[in-house]
Amino acid sequence: MIGEISIEEQHLRIENARLKDELDRVCSLAGKFLGRPVSSNGPPMPNSSLELGFSLPMGPHDFVNSPLPVMQPNNNNNNNNNNPSKGTTIERSLERSMYLELALAAMDDLVKMAQTDDPIWIRNNIEGGREVLNLEEYSRSFSPCIGMKPNGFITEASRETGMVIINGLALVETLMDSNKWAEMFPCIIARTTTTDVISNGMGGTRNGALQLMYAELQVLSPLVPVREVNFLRFCKQHAEGVWAVVDVSIDAIRENSGGAPAYSGCRRLPSGCVVQDMPNGYSKVTWVEHAEYDESVVHHLYRQLITAGMGFGAQRWVATLQRQCECLAILMSSAAPARDHNAITAGGRRSMLKLAQRMTNNFCAGVCASTVYKWNKLHTDNVDDDVRVMTRQSVDDPGEPPGIVLSAATSVWLPVSPQRLFDFLRNEHLRSEWDILSNGGPMQEMAHIAKGQDHGNCVSLLRASAMNANQSSMLILQETCIDASGSLVVYAPVDIPAMHVVMNGGDSAYVALLPSGFAIVPDGPGSCGPGRVGGSMLTVAFQILVNSLPTAKLTVESVETVNNLISCTVQKIKAALQCES
């Protein structure tokens, strides 16, 4: 009848009103994102303006005027509820508008935390002068953008500023590309993937880039579990030569949209960096790390260190960034450092460094049990409590010997300064005091490639002396790294003919190796401060081929041998440094 409205039409009107409200909300968000108003009454586009959250009619030079690219999640990680293609178009648009709202709030938080000093940040002179977040002041000045802290979680926050030999654009590009990000921070990032690209940015730049990411973050110790985080990463240019990149966990959105909360013992509050170009080609980087995590899963030896931000904190990110960028600057310079061996060609240097990088990455993967490899943890009575033993099959990998690989790792406290411990372990002349591979005599350095101004940042090729005519001499590839946050000594026996190929610039991918080594960190905040000689946390790890058949059964004797190797190495180090008690 005339004047009456059918039920279908009523439903349509209600739905239209809801969609208009949602469109207005998304336009308002996009306006904040762009820094100017966006009208919801523009000309229609071929695709629904709600289809991808904020593909809005904004004109030819605006944020986006075509559907935003969607990258399907990597199915290798077990986070299938990050899939943005699930649900209806409207549900996806709602979720994406929530992501945008969260990204904007997180960016505001990061910039404020990076720029505000007292009373948000207090310098603690007792703990080496590091900055400590004033939690009371923080809770007054900031509203939680990802909800309340879960029960049983504690807060960890740190800030660090440093000069880095990289320009802002290059650093932003590195952070927004998951592969480059992992290469820049190999000892912190065990594994990462970009699960969805919401926006690539505006005008061919990364300004406004927004993406979903998954990462496994690690401290090099079997006593500290890997942190798995699903988060948004958002990049914004704040002024000419000033950029900011922020991360924030998406647990709250997952819960609101009916998904299961994805955090496994850790939530990433607004964290990231503000980057400002300097006239000399350097950048001033202010890094903020802010997280909430379940402390009960961390071994008591590492709790103070982690809470102080020395495991996952800002100092470690900035120190690693400075060291890696210094290494890149040296490699890109035409002249080799004076202390490098001139016999190695430029191609040989590149091949040797690539091999060392693979060795160190595999070492980290063996210490922390990340999902890079399919490790199986072993629980046996004949292994010390603080030693973690794992096993995996090595099949069809030209960079490893085939068979059963056994990994054993432990962490111990030593009353020795980190610098002294590092200098002892990297010294080839003292190697026979702890290394059974050294044949009981000193080793000779056959090749040396500098990776930084500090002599401790280098890749070396060592040769063990043959003790008698029946023994063949053996080569050991070694990489050592040191910065303000800690140090590494990683090594692996290598085949002599294969290394000749590498040193002449040949492909290093076919050099089979299994790494072992040490990771060293100060035992707590202020341990390297003035007037105090602190101790060190030393992680010792071995990867050993126990059987050349991948299908072979692991024997109890193999496990006992590796356990004894670890305990014997630790005892030898303690004896050599006179700290057996």
Protein backbone atom coordinates (compact mmCIF):
# COMPACT_ATOMS: atom_id res chain seq x y z
CA MET A 1 0.00 0.00 0.00
CA ILE A 2 1.03 3.63 -0.66
CA GLY A 3 2.71 5.17 2.41
CA GLU A 4 3.64 1.82 3.88
CA ILE A 5 7.22 0.52 3.88
CA SER A 6 7.96 -3.16 3.44
CA ILE A 7 10.07 -5.01 6.01
CA GLU A 8 12.76 -5.53 3.34
CA GLU A 9 12.93 -1.77 2.69
CA GLN A 10 13.10 -1.04 6.42
CA HIS A 11 16.06 -3.42 6.72
CA LEU A 12 17.72 -1.78 3.71
CA ARG A 13 17.32 1.70 5.23
CA ILE A 14 18.75 0.55 8.57
CA GLU A 15 21.67 -1.10 6.77
CA ASN A 16 22.27 2.01 4.62
CA ALA A 17 22.29 4.23 7.73
CA ARG A 18 24.78 1.86 9.40
CA LEU A 19 27.01 1.84 6.34
CA LYS A 20 26.89 5.65 6.09
CA ASP A 21 27.92 5.94 9.76
CA GLU A 22 30.74 3.51 9.13
CA LEU A 23 31.83 5.39 5.99
CA ASP A 24 31.83 8.69 7.91
CA ARG A 25 33.93 7.06 10.64
CA VAL A 26 36.41 5.66 8.11
CA CYS A 27 36.60 9.05 6.34
CA SER A 28 37.28 10.71 9.69
CA LEU A 29 40.07 8.19 10.34
CA ALA A 30 41.50 8.68 6.86
CA GLY A 31 41.42 12.43 7.48
CA LYS A 32 43.52 11.97 10.61
CA PHE A 33 45.82 9.68 8.64
CA LEU A 34 46.28 12.27 5.87
CA GLY A 35 46.18 15.33 8.09
CA ARG A 36 43.25 16.92 6.20
CA PRO A 37 39.48 16.39 5.84
CA VAL A 38 38.19 13.62 3.59
CA SER A 39 34.63 13.84 2.24
CA SER A 40 32.37 10.82 2.14
CA ASN A 41 30.27 12.46 -0.61
CA GLY A 42 32.82 12.27 -3.43
CA PRO A 43 32.21 10.62 -6.84
CA PRO A 44 31.62 6.86 -6.67
CA MET A 45 34.48 4.49 -7.37
CA PRO A 46 34.28 1.24 -9.33
CA ASN A 47 34.94 -0.72 -6.13
CA SER A 48 33.04 -0.33 -2.88
CA SER A 49 34.63 2.41 -0.77
CA LEU A 50 34.31 0.06 2.19
CA GLU A 51 35.90 -2.89 0.52
CA LEU A 52 39.38 -2.40 1.96
CA GLY A 53 38.79 -0.16 4.95
CA PHE A 54 39.90 3.11 3.45
CA SER A 55 40.05 2.91 -0.36
CA LEU A 56 38.15 6.20 -0.47
CA PRO A 57 37.35 8.69 -3.27
CA MET A 58 40.01 11.27 -2.49
CA GLY A 59 41.23 12.49 -5.87
CA PRO A 60 44.16 11.53 -8.10
CA HIS A 61 47.02 12.59 -5.83
CA ASP A 62 45.68 11.33 -2.53
CA PHE A 63 46.48 8.49 -0.16
CA VAL A 64 45.02 5.69 -2.30
CA ASN A 65 42.69 5.68 -5.25
CA SER A 66 42.79 2.02 -6.11
CA PRO A 67 42.18 -1.10 -4.04
CA LEU A 68 45.03 -1.63 -1.59
CA PRO A 69 47.15 -4.71 -2.17
CA VAL A 70 46.38 -7.70 0.01
CA MET A 71 49.19 -10.13 0.73
CA GLN A 72 48.04 -13.55 1.90
CA PRO A 73 49.56 -14.63 5.20
CA ASN A 74 52.45 -17.01 5.24
CA ASN A 75 50.91 -20.37 6.11
CA ASN A 76 54.10 -21.58 7.77
CA ASN A 77 53.25 -19.83 11.03
CA ASN A 78 50.40 -21.05 13.13
CA ASN A 79 48.49 -17.81 13.25
CA ASN A 80 45.67 -18.48 10.86
CA ASN A 81 43.41 -15.93 12.50
CA ASN A 82 45.54 -13.12 11.02
CA ASN A 83 43.97 -13.83 7.65
CA PRO A 84 42.35 -10.56 6.56
CA SER A 85 40.43 -12.24 3.76
CA LYS A 86 38.14 -14.08 6.19
CA GLY A 87 34.70 -12.74 6.84
CA THR A 88 32.53 -10.42 4.77
CA THR A 89 33.64 -7.27 2.99
CA ILE A 90 32.05 -5.11 5.70
CA GLU A 91 33.71 -7.10 8.50
CA ARG A 92 37.05 -6.64 6.77
CA SER A 93 36.44 -2.92 6.35
CA LEU A 94 35.55 -2.60 10.04
CA GLU A 95 38.65 -4.52 11.07
CA ARG A 96 40.86 -2.38 8.85
CA SER A 97 39.39 0.84 10.14
CA MET A 98 40.16 -0.41 13.66
CA TYR A 99 43.74 -1.15 12.55
CA LEU A 100 44.04 2.40 11.23
CA GLU A 101 42.64 3.87 14.44
CA LEU A 102 45.07 1.75 16.50
CA ALA A 103 48.01 2.74 14.27
CA LEU A 104 47.26 6.45 14.67
CA ALA A 105 46.94 6.16 18.46
CA ALA A 106 50.17 4.13 18.66
CA MET A 107 52.05 6.69 16.55
CA ASP A 108 50.94 9.50 18.89
CA ASP A 109 52.14 7.46 21.89
CA LEU A 110 55.51 6.67 20.32
CA VAL A 111 56.29 10.27 19.33
CA LYS A 112 55.28 11.51 22.79
CA MET A 113 57.44 8.88 24.52
CA ALA A 114 60.38 9.64 22.23
CA GLN A 115 60.21 13.41 22.79
CA THR A 116 59.21 13.72 26.47
CA ASP A 117 61.87 13.49 29.16
CA ASP A 118 61.16 14.06 32.86
CA PRO A 119 58.69 13.11 34.39
CA ILE A 120 57.88 10.25 31.91
CA TRP A 121 61.49 9.04 31.83
CA ILE A 122 63.79 9.10 34.87
CA ARG A 123 67.54 8.48 34.63
CA ASN A 124 68.62 5.80 37.10
CA ASN A 125 72.26 6.47 38.01
CA ILE A 126 72.47 3.36 40.19
CA GLU A 127 71.74 1.17 37.14
CA GLY A 128 74.38 2.56 34.78
CA GLY A 129 72.51 5.80 34.04
CA ARG A 130 69.82 4.11 31.97
CA GLU A 131 66.40 5.70 31.50
CA VAL A 132 63.52 4.13 33.43
CA LEU A 133 59.84 4.65 32.59
CA ASN A 134 57.89 6.30 35.42
CA LEU A 135 54.87 3.95 35.32
CA GLU A 136 52.72 6.15 37.55
CA GLU A 137 53.28 9.22 35.39
CA TYR A 138 52.84 7.16 32.23
CA SER A 139 49.44 5.83 33.34
CA ARG A 140 48.34 9.43 34.08
CA SER A 141 49.53 10.85 30.76
CA PHE A 142 48.67 8.00 28.35
CA SER A 143 45.49 6.02 27.82
CA PRO A 144 46.08 2.33 27.05
CA CYS A 145 45.53 1.82 23.31
CA ILE A 146 45.48 -2.00 23.49
CA GLY A 147 43.48 -2.50 26.66
CA MET A 148 44.46 -3.36 30.20
CA LYS A 149 47.54 -5.36 31.13
CA PRO A 150 46.76 -9.12 31.42
CA ASN A 151 46.91 -10.65 34.89
CA GLY A 152 50.36 -11.83 35.85
CA PHE A 153 52.14 -9.72 33.21
CA ILE A 154 54.84 -7.18 34.09
CA THR A 155 55.99 -4.09 32.20
CA GLU A 156 59.33 -3.59 30.48
CA ALA A 157 60.20 -0.20 28.94
CA SER A 158 63.39 1.41 27.65
CA ARG A 159 64.56 4.28 25.46
CA GLU A 160 67.87 4.85 23.68
CA THR A 161 69.17 7.56 21.34
CA GLY A 162 72.16 7.13 19.04
CA MET A 163 73.80 8.37 15.83
CA VAL A 164 73.72 5.79 13.04
CA ILE A 165 75.58 5.84 9.70
CA ILE A 166 72.45 5.47 7.53
CA ASN A 167 70.01 7.99 6.06
CA GLY A 168 66.40 8.08 7.24
CA LEU A 169 64.85 6.86 3.98
CA ALA A 170 67.13 3.81 3.85
CA LEU A 171 66.37 2.93 7.47
CA VAL A 172 62.61 3.30 6.94
CA GLU A 173 62.82 1.05 3.87
CA THR A 174 64.72 -1.54 5.93
CA LEU A 175 62.13 -1.51 8.72
CA MET A 176 59.16 -1.81 6.33
CA ASP A 177 60.62 -4.82 4.47
CA SER A 178 60.49 -7.92 6.68
CA ASN A 179 63.47 -9.60 4.95
CA LYS A 180 65.70 -6.52 5.25
CA TRP A 181 64.54 -6.02 8.86
CA ALA A 182 65.58 -9.59 9.77
CA GLU A 183 68.96 -9.16 8.01
CA MET A 184 69.66 -5.93 9.92
CA PHE A 185 68.89 -7.52 13.33
CA PRO A 186 69.83 -11.21 12.89
CA CYS A 187 70.54 -11.93 16.56
CA ILE A 188 67.27 -10.36 17.77
CA ILE A 189 64.82 -11.52 15.08
CA ALA A 190 64.57 -15.29 14.79
CA ARG A 191 61.87 -15.19 12.15
CA THR A 192 59.48 -12.63 10.68
CA THR A 193 56.91 -12.32 7.94
CA THR A 194 54.56 -9.64 6.62
CA THR A 195 51.09 -11.16 6.85
CA ASP A 196 49.08 -8.36 5.21
CA VAL A 197 49.88 -5.07 3.48
CA ILE A 198 47.07 -2.59 4.20
CA SER A 199 48.82 0.37 2.54
CA ASN A 200 52.13 0.69 0.71
CA GLY A 201 52.27 4.42 1.42
CA MET A 202 51.60 7.61 -0.53
CA GLY A 203 53.19 9.16 -3.60
CA GLY A 204 55.73 6.39 -4.05
CA THR A 205 57.08 6.81 -0.51
CA ARG A 206 56.60 4.84 2.72
CA ASN A 207 54.66 7.73 4.28
CA GLY A 208 51.38 6.18 5.43
CA ALA A 209 52.54 2.58 4.92
CA LEU A 210 50.61 0.21 7.18
CA GLN A 211 51.09 -3.55 7.45
CA LEU A 212 50.44 -6.53 9.69
CA MET A 213 53.49 -8.51 10.75
CA TYR A 214 54.45 -11.59 12.74
CA ALA A 215 57.83 -11.94 14.45
CA GLU A 216 59.74 -14.22 16.79
CA LEU A 217 62.13 -12.17 18.94
CA GLN A 218 64.97 -13.83 20.84
CA VAL A 219 67.58 -13.46 23.54
CA LEU A 220 70.46 -15.84 22.90
CA SER A 221 69.85 -18.19 25.80
CA PRO A 222 67.84 -21.41 26.20
CA LEU A 223 66.61 -19.96 29.52
CA VAL A 224 64.60 -17.16 27.83
CA PRO A 225 61.66 -18.24 25.64
CA VAL A 226 61.26 -16.76 22.16
CA ARG A 227 58.66 -13.93 22.10
CA GLU A 228 56.01 -14.40 19.43
CA VAL A 229 54.20 -11.19 18.46
CA ASN A 230 51.50 -10.29 15.93
CA PHE A 231 51.56 -6.54 15.40
CA LEU A 232 50.80 -3.57 13.18
CA ARG A 233 53.70 -1.59 11.75
CA PHE A 234 52.90 1.98 10.67
CA CYS A 235 55.27 4.48 9.05
CA LYS A 236 54.72 8.24 8.93
CA GLN A 237 56.79 11.19 7.75
CA HIS A 238 56.44 13.98 10.32
CA ALA A 239 58.57 16.63 8.59
CA GLU A 240 61.29 16.92 5.95
CA GLY A 241 63.90 14.32 6.95
CA VAL A 242 61.92 13.18 10.04
CA TRP A 243 60.24 9.76 10.04
CA ALA A 244 58.67 7.51 12.66
CA VAL A 245 57.92 3.80 12.52
CA VAL A 246 55.69 2.31 15.23
CA ASP A 247 54.70 -1.26 16.17
CA VAL A 248 51.72 -2.24 18.31
CA SER A 249 50.18 -5.63 19.14
CA ILE A 250 46.77 -6.39 17.63
CA ASP A 251 45.47 -8.63 20.42
CA ALA A 252 42.72 -6.19 21.43
CA ILE A 253 41.31 -6.06 17.88
CA ARG A 254 41.44 -9.86 17.62
CA GLU A 255 39.44 -10.17 20.82
CA ASN A 256 36.93 -7.50 19.75
CA SER A 257 36.37 -9.19 16.39
CA GLY A 258 35.76 -12.57 18.00
CA GLY A 259 39.19 -14.08 17.31
CA ALA A 260 41.29 -15.77 19.94
CA PRO A 261 43.88 -13.49 21.58
CA ALA A 262 47.16 -14.20 19.79
CA TYR A 263 49.77 -13.19 22.35
CA SER A 264 51.83 -16.01 23.76
CA GLY A 265 53.23 -14.47 26.90
CA CYS A 266 54.01 -11.04 25.42
CA ARG A 267 52.23 -7.89 24.17
CA ARG A 268 54.00 -5.12 22.27
CA LEU A 269 52.81 -1.69 23.39
CA PRO A 270 53.62 1.25 21.07
CA SER A 271 57.31 0.70 20.27
CA GLY A 272 59.61 1.79 17.48
CA CYS A 273 61.81 4.66 16.45
CA VAL A 274 61.87 8.31 15.43
CA VAL A 275 64.54 8.97 12.79
CA GLN A 276 65.96 12.40 11.95
CA ASP A 277 68.42 12.98 9.09
CA MET A 278 71.66 14.74 10.04
CA PRO A 279 73.74 16.93 7.66
CA ASN A 280 76.71 14.49 7.71
CA GLY A 281 74.81 11.53 6.23
CA TYR A 282 74.09 10.01 9.66
CA SER A 283 70.68 9.74 11.31
CA LYS A 284 69.73 10.51 14.88
CA VAL A 285 67.63 7.52 16.01
CA THR A 286 65.50 7.57 19.16
CA TRP A 287 64.26 4.06 19.90
CA VAL A 288 61.50 3.13 22.35
CA GLU A 289 60.70 -0.44 23.42
CA HIS A 290 57.61 -1.03 25.55
CA ALA A 291 56.16 -4.47 26.30
CA GLU A 292 54.13 -6.44 28.82
CA TYR A 293 55.06 -10.07 29.34
CA ASP A 294 54.68 -13.12 31.54
CA GLU A 295 57.80 -13.16 33.73
CA SER A 296 57.11 -16.65 35.10
CA VAL A 297 58.38 -18.27 31.88
CA VAL A 298 61.81 -16.58 32.19
CA HIS A 299 64.53 -18.35 34.21
CA HIS A 300 65.41 -16.50 37.44
CA LEU A 301 69.00 -15.92 36.24
CA TYR A 302 67.68 -13.66 33.46
CA ARG A 303 64.71 -11.94 35.14
CA GLN A 304 66.47 -8.77 36.31
CA LEU A 305 68.29 -8.47 32.99
CA ILE A 306 65.05 -8.77 30.94
CA THR A 307 63.05 -6.41 33.19
CA ALA A 308 65.83 -3.82 32.81
CA GLY A 309 65.39 -3.96 29.01
CA MET A 310 68.79 -5.54 28.39
CA GLY A 311 67.35 -8.52 26.56
CA PHE A 312 64.68 -7.07 24.26
CA GLY A 313 65.17 -3.37 25.04
CA ALA A 314 65.98 -0.23 23.07
CA GLN A 315 69.73 -0.30 23.81
CA ARG A 316 70.09 -3.67 22.09
CA TRP A 317 68.20 -2.52 18.96
CA VAL A 318 70.23 0.72 18.65
CA ALA A 319 73.60 -0.95 19.38
CA THR A 320 72.89 -3.67 16.80
CA LEU A 321 71.77 -1.07 14.24
CA GLN A 322 74.95 0.99 14.77
CA ARG A 323 77.19 -2.08 14.43
CA GLN A 324 75.44 -3.42 11.33
CA CYS A 325 75.40 -0.03 9.56
CA GLU A 326 79.09 0.49 10.33
CA CYS A 327 79.78 -2.93 8.79
CA LEU A 328 77.77 -2.04 5.66
CA ALA A 329 79.65 1.26 5.32
CA ILE A 330 83.00 -0.59 5.48
CA LEU A 331 81.90 -3.18 2.93
CA MET A 332 80.68 -0.50 0.52
CA SER A 333 83.93 1.48 0.73
CA SER A 334 86.39 0.66 -2.07
CA ALA A 335 89.46 0.30 0.18
CA ALA A 336 89.76 -2.70 2.49
CA PRO A 337 90.68 -1.88 6.13
CA ALA A 338 94.43 -1.96 6.79
CA ARG A 339 94.21 -5.04 9.03
CA ASP A 340 92.45 -7.17 6.37
CA HIS A 341 94.45 -9.84 4.54
CA ASN A 342 95.20 -8.51 1.06
CA ALA A 343 95.22 -12.02 -0.42
CA ILE A 344 91.38 -12.11 -0.35
CA THR A 345 89.69 -10.60 -3.40
CA ALA A 346 86.64 -8.31 -3.11
CA GLY A 347 84.48 -11.22 -4.31
CA GLY A 348 86.16 -13.50 -1.78
CA ARG A 349 85.37 -11.05 1.04
CA ARG A 350 81.70 -10.99 0.03
CA SER A 351 81.47 -14.80 -0.17
CA MET A 352 83.23 -15.28 3.17
CA LEU A 353 81.00 -12.72 4.90
CA LYS A 354 77.89 -14.34 3.43
CA LEU A 355 79.02 -17.73 4.74
CA ALA A 356 79.73 -16.24 8.19
CA GLN A 357 76.28 -14.62 8.21
CA ARG A 358 74.63 -17.98 7.50
CA MET A 359 76.74 -19.62 10.21
CA THR A 360 75.73 -17.03 12.84
CA ASN A 361 72.04 -17.15 11.85
CA ASN A 362 72.06 -20.96 12.22
CA PHE A 363 73.81 -20.67 15.58
CA CYS A 364 71.05 -18.36 16.87
CA ALA A 365 68.34 -20.70 15.54
CA GLY A 366 69.93 -23.59 17.45
CA VAL A 367 70.17 -21.71 20.76
CA CYS A 368 66.62 -20.37 20.89
CA ALA A 369 64.47 -23.13 19.37
CA SER A 370 62.66 -20.73 17.05
CA THR A 371 60.49 -22.17 14.28
CA VAL A 372 63.24 -21.62 11.67
CA TYR A 373 64.00 -25.35 12.07
CA LYS A 374 61.77 -28.20 13.22
CA TRP A 375 63.54 -28.98 16.48
CA ASN A 376 62.40 -31.75 18.80
CA LYS A 377 63.19 -31.14 22.46
CA LEU A 378 64.62 -34.09 24.37
CA HIS A 379 63.83 -34.77 28.01
CA THR A 380 66.33 -37.25 29.44
CA ASP A 381 67.57 -38.06 32.93
CA ASN A 382 71.24 -37.99 31.91
CA VAL A 383 71.27 -34.27 30.99
CA ASP A 384 71.88 -31.41 33.45
CA ASP A 385 68.76 -29.41 34.41
CA ASP A 386 69.90 -26.15 32.78
CA VAL A 387 71.05 -27.78 29.53
CA ARG A 388 68.52 -27.88 26.70
CA VAL A 389 69.08 -30.65 24.17
CA MET A 390 67.21 -30.71 20.85
CA THR A 391 67.44 -32.79 17.70
CA ARG A 392 66.44 -32.40 14.06
CA GLN A 393 66.93 -34.08 10.71
CA SER A 394 69.14 -32.43 8.11
CA VAL A 395 67.99 -33.49 4.64
CA ASP A 396 68.58 -31.95 1.17
CA ASP A 397 70.36 -28.86 2.51
CA PRO A 398 73.67 -28.29 0.70
CA GLY A 399 74.75 -25.91 3.48
CA GLU A 400 74.71 -28.67 6.13
CA PRO A 401 75.99 -32.22 6.40
CA PRO A 402 73.07 -34.70 6.06
CA GLY A 403 72.00 -36.71 9.10
CA ILE A 404 70.83 -36.25 12.68
CA VAL A 405 71.85 -32.90 14.19
CA LEU A 406 71.99 -32.55 17.97
CA SER A 407 71.91 -29.09 19.55
CA ALA A 408 72.83 -28.52 23.18
CA ALA A 409 72.84 -25.13 24.91
CA THR A 410 73.13 -23.79 28.43
CA SER A 411 73.62 -20.43 30.16
CA VAL A 412 75.77 -19.83 33.25
CA TRP A 413 76.76 -16.85 35.36
CA LEU A 414 80.46 -16.03 35.62
CA PRO A 415 82.07 -13.42 37.91
CA VAL A 416 84.06 -12.02 34.97
CA SER A 417 83.46 -8.81 33.02
CA PRO A 418 81.84 -9.26 29.58
CA GLN A 419 84.83 -7.63 27.84
CA ARG A 420 87.39 -9.91 29.51
CA LEU A 421 85.31 -13.01 28.72
CA PHE A 422 84.90 -11.96 25.06
CA ASP A 423 88.62 -11.20 24.62
CA PHE A 424 89.53 -14.60 26.09
CA LEU A 425 87.13 -16.63 23.92
CA ARG A 426 88.02 -14.92 20.63
CA ASN A 427 91.80 -15.10 21.11
CA GLU A 428 93.13 -17.84 18.82
CA HIS A 429 96.34 -18.13 20.89
CA LEU A 430 94.34 -19.06 24.03
CA ARG A 431 91.86 -21.31 22.25
CA SER A 432 93.50 -24.57 23.35
CA GLU A 433 92.53 -23.70 26.94
CA TRP A 434 88.87 -24.53 26.20
CA ASP A 435 88.49 -25.97 22.67
CA ILE A 436 89.04 -29.69 22.10
CA LEU A 437 89.13 -29.01 18.32
CA SER A 438 92.37 -27.04 18.70
CA ASN A 439 94.45 -30.22 19.07
CA GLY A 440 95.92 -28.85 22.29
CA GLY A 441 98.01 -26.15 20.61
CA PRO A 442 97.62 -22.52 19.51
CA MET A 443 95.72 -21.67 16.34
CA GLN A 444 96.96 -19.48 13.53
CA GLU A 445 94.84 -16.80 11.83
CA MET A 446 94.93 -17.44 8.06
CA ALA A 447 92.52 -14.69 6.98
CA HIS A 448 90.85 -11.68 8.59
CA ILE A 449 87.99 -9.44 7.43
CA ALA A 450 87.16 -6.40 9.56
CA LYS A 451 83.46 -5.61 10.07
CA GLY A 452 83.80 -2.48 12.22
CA GLN A 453 86.13 -0.03 13.95
CA ASP A 454 86.29 -2.30 17.01
CA HIS A 455 88.81 -5.10 16.39
CA GLY A 456 86.29 -7.48 17.96
CA ASN A 457 83.93 -7.15 14.96
CA CYS A 458 85.45 -9.43 12.33
CA VAL A 459 85.38 -12.71 10.43
CA SER A 460 88.49 -14.92 10.66
CA LEU A 461 89.73 -18.16 9.21
CA LEU A 462 91.77 -20.12 11.77
CA ARG A 463 94.01 -23.14 11.26
CA ALA A 464 94.68 -25.69 13.98
CA SER A 465 98.20 -27.07 14.04
CA ALA A 466 98.56 -30.78 13.32
CA MET A 467 100.03 -32.47 16.42
CA ASN A 468 101.69 -35.25 14.40
CA ALA A 469 102.24 -36.37 10.81
CA ASN A 470 99.11 -38.54 10.82
CA GLN A 471 96.77 -35.61 11.59
CA SER A 472 95.54 -33.28 8.86
CA SER A 473 95.34 -29.58 9.68
CA MET A 474 91.82 -28.21 9.98
CA LEU A 475 90.22 -24.84 9.24
CA ILE A 476 87.75 -23.05 11.49
CA LEU A 477 85.58 -20.16 10.30
CA GLN A 478 84.92 -17.71 13.15
CA GLU A 479 82.77 -14.60 13.44
CA THR A 480 83.01 -12.30 16.44
CA CYS A 481 80.70 -9.34 17.19
CA ILE A 482 80.63 -6.85 20.05
CA ASP A 483 78.57 -3.76 20.86
CA ALA A 484 77.16 -1.98 23.91
CA SER A 485 74.53 -4.71 24.47
CA GLY A 486 76.72 -7.82 24.37
CA SER A 487 78.98 -9.98 22.23
CA LEU A 488 79.15 -13.19 20.19
CA VAL A 489 81.82 -15.71 19.24
CA VAL A 490 80.55 -18.22 16.65
CA TYR A 491 82.65 -20.80 14.84
CA ALA A 492 82.44 -23.94 12.70
CA PRO A 493 84.94 -26.43 11.25
CA VAL A 494 85.03 -26.04 7.44
CA ASP A 495 86.35 -28.09 4.54
CA ILE A 496 89.70 -26.78 3.18
CA PRO A 497 88.92 -27.20 -0.59
CA ALA A 498 85.49 -25.58 -0.10
CA MET A 499 87.06 -22.56 1.64
CA HIS A 500 89.53 -22.10 -1.23
CA VAL A 501 86.51 -21.76 -3.55
CA VAL A 502 84.86 -19.24 -1.19
CA MET A 503 88.01 -17.12 -0.78
CA ASN A 504 88.24 -16.85 -4.56
CA GLY A 505 84.71 -15.47 -4.73
CA GLY A 506 82.85 -18.76 -5.31
CA ASP A 507 79.33 -19.59 -4.08
CA SER A 508 79.32 -20.20 -0.31
CA ALA A 509 75.87 -21.86 -0.30
CA TYR A 510 77.43 -25.31 -0.82
CA VAL A 511 79.83 -25.14 2.13
CA ALA A 512 78.42 -27.55 4.72
CA LEU A 513 78.82 -26.40 8.32
CA LEU A 514 77.31 -26.74 11.78
CA PRO A 515 77.98 -23.80 14.13
CA SER A 516 78.91 -23.69 17.80
CA GLY A 517 79.83 -20.75 19.99
CA PHE A 518 79.14 -18.31 22.80
CA ALA A 519 76.83 -15.37 23.52
CA ILE A 520 77.82 -12.95 26.30
CA VAL A 521 75.73 -10.27 28.02
CA PRO A 522 76.30 -8.20 31.19
CA ASP A 523 74.61 -9.83 34.19
CA GLY A 524 72.38 -6.85 34.92
CA PRO A 525 71.95 -3.08 34.63
CA GLY A 526 74.96 -1.10 35.81
CA SER A 527 77.30 -4.09 35.75
CA CYS A 528 79.58 -2.14 33.42
CA GLY A 529 79.09 1.18 35.22
CA PRO A 530 81.87 3.23 36.82
CA GLY A 531 83.49 1.65 39.87
CA ARG A 532 81.86 -1.75 39.39
CA VAL A 533 83.25 -4.84 37.73
CA GLY A 534 80.12 -6.83 37.02
CA GLY A 535 79.70 -10.41 36.00
CA SER A 536 78.50 -11.97 32.76
CA MET A 537 75.81 -14.33 31.55
CA LEU A 538 77.53 -16.78 29.20
CA THR A 539 75.55 -18.98 26.80
CA VAL A 540 77.43 -21.99 25.41
CA ALA A 541 75.91 -23.87 22.46
CA PHE A 542 76.99 -26.73 20.19
CA GLN A 543 75.43 -28.23 17.08
CA ILE A 544 76.91 -31.62 16.25
CA LEU A 545 76.21 -34.28 13.62
CA VAL A 546 75.67 -37.46 15.63
CA ASN A 547 74.73 -39.72 12.72
CA SER A 548 75.10 -39.24 8.97
CA LEU A 549 71.83 -41.09 8.29
CA PRO A 550 68.78 -38.77 8.67
CA THR A 551 66.58 -41.80 9.51
CA ALA A 552 68.88 -43.14 12.24
CA LYS A 553 67.75 -43.45 15.85
CA LEU A 554 69.36 -41.17 18.41
CA THR A 555 71.41 -43.00 21.03
CA VAL A 556 71.72 -42.22 24.75
CA GLU A 557 75.51 -42.15 24.28
CA SER A 558 75.24 -39.30 21.73
CA VAL A 559 73.21 -37.19 24.15
CA GLU A 560 75.63 -37.89 27.01
CA THR A 561 78.62 -36.99 24.81
CA VAL A 562 77.17 -33.56 23.93
CA ASN A 563 76.13 -32.92 27.54
CA ASN A 564 79.67 -33.77 28.69
CA LEU A 565 81.15 -31.53 25.98
CA ILE A 566 79.14 -28.55 27.27
CA SER A 567 79.94 -29.12 30.96
CA CYS A 568 83.64 -29.77 30.16
CA THR A 569 83.88 -26.56 28.08
CA VAL A 570 82.27 -24.48 30.86
CA GLN A 571 84.66 -25.98 33.45
CA LYS A 572 87.70 -25.26 31.25
CA ILE A 573 86.61 -21.63 30.79
CA LYS A 574 86.11 -21.23 34.54
CA ALA A 575 89.52 -22.75 35.27
CA ALA A 576 91.30 -20.57 32.70
CA LEU A 577 89.68 -17.40 34.11
CA GLN A 578 90.23 -18.55 37.72
CA CYS A 579 86.56 -18.45 38.72
CA GLU A 580 85.87 -22.12 39.40
CA SER A 581 84.16 -21.41 42.73
